[in-house]
Amino acid sequence: MMKTLKFIITPLFFLIVMIRNKLYDWKLLPIISSNIPIVSIGNIQVGGSGKTPFVIALIKQLIQNNINPIIITRGYKRNTNHQIILNNLEKYSAQEVGDEPYYIKQVLKNTPIIIDHNKKNAIKTANQLQNID
């Protein structure tokens, strides 16, 4: 049953991605530019694939190499909708920013985190901040 489902879903997913990429190529979907390099970390699997520990390890490596990173996240399952620049944990709860950004901030106290459901808006904000590589 799973093999049949994968056989059906895989070409459908490929087609959707191909169409979406063409819409960007034809400039029918908006593209924004960034002044700073972006590393996107994701996975088809929603939870439990190790994205958060990987982000933490990557940020630590960047800091060791004198690079000032910023993290952008949607803040999955948070109960707020506005953009939040998480600089300290005293202003927000895990429910307001999402449990993963809250945990990451506990580990990486000096790394700013932008939480926004719209990642394009978050990138625009990141481009306006100082001392971000």
Protein backbone atom coordinates (compact mmCIF):
# COMPACT_ATOMS: atom_id res chain seq x y z
CA MET A 1 0.00 0.00 0.00
CA MET A 2 2.78 2.50 0.95
CA LYS A 3 4.74 1.72 -2.21
CA THR A 4 1.64 2.40 -4.31
CA LEU A 5 1.01 5.65 -2.44
CA LYS A 6 4.63 6.75 -2.91
CA PHE A 7 4.41 5.82 -6.59
CA ILE A 8 1.43 8.18 -6.97
CA ILE A 9 2.64 11.02 -4.71
CA THR A 10 6.23 11.28 -5.94
CA PRO A 11 5.44 12.33 -9.54
CA LEU A 12 2.67 14.63 -8.28
CA PHE A 13 5.08 16.34 -5.85
CA PHE A 14 7.69 16.64 -8.62
CA LEU A 15 5.12 18.25 -10.93
CA ILE A 16 4.04 20.75 -8.28
CA VAL A 17 7.65 21.74 -7.53
CA MET A 18 8.43 22.05 -11.24
CA ILE A 19 5.39 24.29 -11.84
CA ARG A 20 6.25 26.43 -8.81
CA ASN A 21 9.84 26.85 -10.01
CA LYS A 22 8.63 27.87 -13.47
CA LEU A 23 6.31 30.47 -11.92
CA TYR A 24 9.36 31.98 -10.22
CA ASP A 25 11.34 31.80 -13.49
CA TRP A 26 8.54 33.62 -15.31
CA LYS A 27 8.38 36.19 -12.48
CA LEU A 28 4.75 35.36 -11.73
CA LEU A 29 5.67 34.66 -8.10
CA PRO A 30 7.56 37.40 -6.26
CA ILE A 31 11.27 36.99 -5.57
CA ILE A 32 13.10 39.01 -2.95
CA SER A 33 16.81 39.60 -2.76
CA SER A 34 18.92 39.36 0.34
CA ASN A 35 22.04 41.31 1.24
CA ILE A 36 23.19 38.41 3.39
CA PRO A 37 23.67 34.75 2.43
CA ILE A 38 20.83 32.42 3.34
CA VAL A 39 21.15 28.78 4.33
CA SER A 40 17.79 27.01 4.30
CA ILE A 41 17.42 23.95 6.49
CA GLY A 42 14.40 21.79 5.91
CA ASN A 43 13.14 18.32 5.31
CA ILE A 44 10.03 16.70 3.90
CA GLN A 45 9.58 14.99 7.26
CA VAL A 46 7.89 17.39 9.68
CA GLY A 47 9.28 16.33 13.03
CA GLY A 48 12.02 14.24 14.51
CA SER A 49 14.51 14.43 11.67
CA GLY A 50 17.13 16.45 13.59
CA LYS A 51 16.69 19.90 12.04
CA THR A 52 16.83 21.80 15.37
CA PRO A 53 20.02 20.11 16.66
CA PHE A 54 21.57 20.67 13.22
CA VAL A 55 20.68 24.39 13.31
CA ILE A 56 22.24 24.71 16.77
CA ALA A 57 25.42 22.91 15.68
CA LEU A 58 25.68 24.99 12.49
CA ILE A 59 25.21 28.27 14.36
CA LYS A 60 27.92 27.28 16.87
CA GLN A 61 30.32 26.55 13.99
CA LEU A 62 29.55 29.87 12.32
CA ILE A 63 30.16 31.75 15.57
CA GLN A 64 33.48 29.91 16.07
CA ASN A 65 34.46 31.19 12.62
CA ASN A 66 33.62 34.80 13.56
CA ILE A 67 30.41 34.86 11.52
CA ASN A 68 27.38 36.58 13.08
CA PRO A 69 24.33 34.53 12.06
CA ILE A 70 20.63 35.15 12.52
CA ILE A 71 17.92 32.50 12.58
CA ILE A 72 14.63 32.91 10.73
CA THR A 73 11.75 30.61 11.60
CA ARG A 74 7.98 30.50 11.36
CA GLY A 75 7.65 29.50 15.02
CA TYR A 76 5.55 26.41 14.44
CA LYS A 77 2.48 26.15 16.73
CA ARG A 78 2.99 29.58 18.32
CA ASN A 79 -0.11 31.44 19.46
CA THR A 80 0.90 34.84 18.01
CA ASN A 81 0.75 36.10 14.44
CA HIS A 82 3.00 39.18 14.37
CA GLN A 83 6.71 39.26 13.64
CA ILE A 84 8.90 38.84 16.71
CA ILE A 85 12.61 39.57 16.95
CA LEU A 86 13.65 37.30 19.79
CA ASN A 87 16.64 38.85 21.53
CA ASN A 88 15.90 37.70 25.06
CA LEU A 89 13.59 35.14 26.61
CA GLU A 90 12.30 37.38 29.40
CA LYS A 91 9.77 39.10 27.11
CA TYR A 92 8.19 35.98 25.61
CA SER A 93 6.93 32.52 26.49
CA ALA A 94 7.38 29.35 24.47
CA GLN A 95 3.70 29.59 23.50
CA GLU A 96 4.23 33.06 22.03
CA VAL A 97 7.31 32.26 19.94
CA GLY A 98 7.07 28.50 19.45
CA ASP A 99 8.81 25.79 21.43
CA GLU A 100 11.71 25.29 18.99
CA PRO A 101 12.76 28.98 18.75
CA TYR A 102 12.40 29.21 22.54
CA TYR A 103 14.67 26.21 23.03
CA ILE A 104 17.19 27.43 20.45
CA LYS A 105 17.33 30.82 22.21
CA GLN A 106 18.04 29.06 25.53
CA VAL A 107 21.06 27.39 23.92
CA LEU A 108 22.20 30.25 21.67
CA LYS A 109 21.61 33.26 23.92
CA ASN A 110 23.42 35.81 21.73
CA THR A 111 21.98 34.76 18.38
CA PRO A 112 18.99 36.83 17.25
CA ILE A 113 15.96 34.95 15.98
CA ILE A 114 13.28 36.42 13.73
CA ILE A 115 9.95 34.65 14.01
CA ASP A 116 7.46 35.38 11.25
CA HIS A 117 4.90 33.28 9.39
CA ASN A 118 6.04 35.12 6.24
CA LYS A 119 9.71 34.28 5.69
CA LYS A 120 10.04 36.96 2.98
CA ASN A 121 9.12 39.62 5.54
CA ALA A 122 11.60 38.09 7.98
CA ILE A 123 14.37 38.27 5.35
CA LYS A 124 13.55 41.94 4.71
CA THR A 125 13.89 42.60 8.45
CA ALA A 126 17.15 40.64 8.67
CA ASN A 127 18.62 42.70 5.83
CA GLN A 128 17.99 45.88 7.85
CA LEU A 129 19.77 44.66 10.99
CA GLN A 130 23.36 45.53 11.79
CA ASN A 131 26.21 43.09 12.45
CA ILE A 132 24.61 40.12 10.67
CA ASP A 133 26.69 38.07 8.26
